[in-house]
Amino acid sequence: MRHKKAGYKLQRDPSARRALLRGLVTNVIERERVITTVPKAKAARPLVEKMITLAKDGSLHARRQAAAFLFTPAAVKKLFDGLAKRFGTRNGGYTRIVRLAPRKGDGAELAMLELVGSELVKRAAERARRKEERLQAMREGREVDSEGGKN
């Protein structure tokens, strides 16, 4: 019986499981969303939440703890400079798991683990890019349609 044995084993030995979860957490922080299986997403979710909570603390000790867990320095930088400010007023619930269609090869249940608000950030960046293109086109004296294409 597994009484009081929390966590997911994911059919891996402890070192492989830790490496897998560290990689997932690093990718979620860098790309703001990752598609994986449902059990892996559920296992990685609390770790992503913990990393964001560390970033909100912002101390040197917290930065070193995050750097010891994450694989890339770019992920640590994004975590402390970008995500800490974005989730500064939010008390938990930084991620969401959205179930997707089964994987074609083996039928495994897939899920998307993403940061809350990432869709708004990506849409805003796309909107700003299109607006900049329209302004540039107006300066050059050519017309641009509403989707950002040239006429």
Protein backbone atom coordinates (compact mmCIF):
# COMPACT_ATOMS: atom_id res chain seq x y z
CA MET A 1 0.00 0.00 0.00
CA ARG A 2 1.16 3.52 -0.76
CA HIS A 3 -0.22 5.36 2.25
CA LYS A 4 1.30 8.84 2.60
CA LYS A 5 3.41 8.40 -0.54
CA ALA A 6 2.63 11.56 -2.48
CA GLY A 7 3.70 12.39 -6.00
CA TYR A 8 3.78 10.70 -9.38
CA LYS A 9 6.28 7.97 -10.25
CA LEU A 10 5.78 8.28 -14.03
CA GLN A 11 7.34 4.79 -14.49
CA ARG A 12 10.86 6.16 -14.04
CA ASP A 13 13.62 5.82 -11.50
CA PRO A 14 14.09 8.88 -9.26
CA SER A 15 16.93 10.51 -11.20
CA ALA A 16 15.18 10.16 -14.56
CA ARG A 17 11.93 11.47 -13.05
CA ARG A 18 13.69 14.49 -11.57
CA ALA A 19 15.42 15.27 -14.89
CA LEU A 20 12.13 14.94 -16.78
CA LEU A 21 10.29 17.28 -14.41
CA ARG A 22 13.14 19.82 -14.39
CA GLY A 23 13.06 19.88 -18.18
CA LEU A 24 9.29 20.31 -18.26
CA VAL A 25 9.38 23.15 -15.73
CA THR A 26 12.20 24.88 -17.61
CA ASN A 27 10.27 24.65 -20.89
CA VAL A 28 7.05 25.95 -19.34
CA ILE A 29 8.89 28.97 -17.97
CA GLU A 30 10.76 29.68 -21.22
CA ARG A 31 7.91 29.05 -23.70
CA GLU A 32 4.93 29.65 -21.36
CA ARG A 33 3.22 26.47 -22.57
CA VAL A 34 4.14 22.87 -23.25
CA ILE A 35 2.19 19.90 -24.61
CA THR A 36 2.78 16.65 -22.74
CA THR A 37 0.80 13.77 -21.25
CA VAL A 38 -1.75 14.40 -18.51
CA PRO A 39 0.20 12.66 -15.67
CA LYS A 40 3.40 14.56 -16.54
CA ALA A 41 1.50 17.85 -16.63
CA LYS A 42 -0.07 17.11 -13.25
CA ALA A 43 3.32 16.23 -11.80
CA ALA A 44 5.03 19.35 -13.18
CA ARG A 45 2.31 21.81 -12.20
CA PRO A 46 3.19 22.16 -8.48
CA LEU A 47 6.86 22.60 -9.37
CA VAL A 48 6.09 25.45 -11.79
CA GLU A 49 3.93 27.08 -9.11
CA LYS A 50 6.79 26.76 -6.60
CA MET A 51 9.27 28.36 -9.01
CA ILE A 52 6.98 31.34 -9.58
CA THR A 53 6.48 31.72 -5.84
CA LEU A 54 10.27 31.73 -5.40
CA ALA A 55 10.54 34.41 -8.09
CA LYS A 56 7.97 36.58 -6.31
CA ASP A 57 10.19 36.46 -3.21
CA GLY A 58 13.00 37.86 -5.35
CA SER A 59 15.84 37.32 -2.87
CA LEU A 60 19.29 36.12 -3.85
CA HIS A 61 18.67 32.86 -2.02
CA ALA A 62 15.45 32.28 -3.98
CA ARG A 63 17.27 33.04 -7.25
CA ARG A 64 19.96 30.50 -6.41
CA GLN A 65 17.36 27.89 -5.49
CA ALA A 66 15.62 28.41 -8.83
CA ALA A 67 18.95 28.34 -10.69
CA ALA A 68 19.78 25.02 -9.02
CA PHE A 69 16.51 23.52 -10.30
CA LEU A 70 16.11 25.06 -13.76
CA PHE A 71 18.35 24.00 -16.64
CA THR A 72 19.06 27.34 -18.34
CA PRO A 73 20.08 30.77 -17.05
CA ALA A 74 17.66 32.32 -19.56
CA ALA A 75 14.77 30.59 -17.77
CA VAL A 76 15.94 31.98 -14.42
CA LYS A 77 16.20 35.48 -15.89
CA LYS A 78 12.73 35.32 -17.44
CA LEU A 79 11.29 33.88 -14.24
CA PHE A 80 12.64 36.63 -11.98
CA ASP A 81 12.42 39.58 -14.37
CA GLY A 82 9.20 38.88 -16.28
CA LEU A 83 6.99 36.33 -14.56
CA ALA A 84 7.53 37.62 -11.02
CA LYS A 85 6.15 41.03 -12.03
CA ARG A 86 3.31 39.51 -14.04
CA PHE A 87 2.09 37.33 -11.17
CA GLY A 88 3.05 39.76 -8.38
CA THR A 89 -0.49 40.35 -7.14
CA ARG A 90 -1.80 36.84 -7.75
CA ASN A 91 -1.88 34.35 -4.87
CA GLY A 92 -1.30 31.01 -6.56
CA GLY A 93 -3.01 29.44 -9.54
CA TYR A 94 -0.36 30.50 -12.03
CA THR A 95 -0.85 27.53 -14.36
CA ARG A 96 -3.67 25.72 -16.10
CA ILE A 97 -3.93 22.25 -17.61
CA VAL A 98 -6.04 21.97 -20.77
CA ARG A 99 -6.76 18.46 -22.02
CA LEU A 100 -6.21 17.86 -25.73
CA ALA A 101 -6.97 15.06 -28.20
CA PRO A 102 -5.25 11.69 -27.75
CA ARG A 103 -1.80 11.29 -29.28
CA LYS A 104 -1.93 9.70 -32.71
CA GLY A 105 0.81 7.11 -32.22
CA ASP A 106 -0.11 5.47 -28.93
CA GLY A 107 -3.39 7.12 -27.91
CA ALA A 108 -1.93 8.69 -24.77
CA GLU A 109 -4.00 11.49 -23.24
CA LEU A 110 -2.32 14.80 -24.05
CA ALA A 111 -2.59 18.02 -22.11
CA MET A 112 -1.26 21.54 -22.47
CA LEU A 113 0.36 22.98 -19.35
CA GLU A 114 0.42 26.75 -19.73
CA LEU A 115 0.87 29.85 -17.64
CA VAL A 116 -2.31 31.79 -16.98
CA GLY A 117 -2.43 34.93 -19.08
CA SER A 118 0.10 33.73 -21.65
CA GLU A 119 -2.53 33.81 -24.39
CA LEU A 120 -3.17 37.49 -23.62
CA VAL A 121 0.55 38.31 -23.70
CA LYS A 122 1.01 36.57 -27.06
CA ARG A 123 -2.09 38.26 -28.53
CA ALA A 124 -0.91 41.67 -27.31
CA ALA A 125 2.53 41.13 -28.84
CA GLU A 126 0.96 40.11 -32.16
CA ARG A 127 -1.33 43.15 -32.08
CA ALA A 128 1.61 45.46 -31.37
CA ARG A 129 3.58 43.92 -34.26
CA ARG A 130 0.68 44.44 -36.69
CA LYS A 131 0.21 48.02 -35.50
CA GLU A 132 3.91 48.73 -36.03
CA GLU A 133 3.69 47.27 -39.55
CA ARG A 134 0.69 49.50 -40.35
CA LEU A 135 2.50 52.60 -39.08
CA GLN A 136 5.61 51.71 -41.06
CA ALA A 137 3.50 51.19 -44.19
CA MET A 138 1.75 54.53 -43.69
CA ARG A 139 5.11 56.26 -43.40
CA GLU A 140 6.23 54.65 -46.64
CA GLY A 141 2.94 55.55 -48.34
CA ARG A 142 1.56 52.10 -49.13
CA GLU A 143 -1.72 50.47 -48.04
CA VAL A 144 -2.02 47.57 -45.63
CA ASP A 145 -5.19 45.55 -45.02
CA SER A 146 -6.55 44.75 -41.54
CA GLU A 147 -4.75 41.35 -41.27
CA GLY A 148 -1.37 42.95 -41.81
CA GLY A 149 -0.91 41.84 -45.42
CA LYS A 150 0.19 44.15 -48.22
CA ASN A 151 -2.19 45.37 -50.94
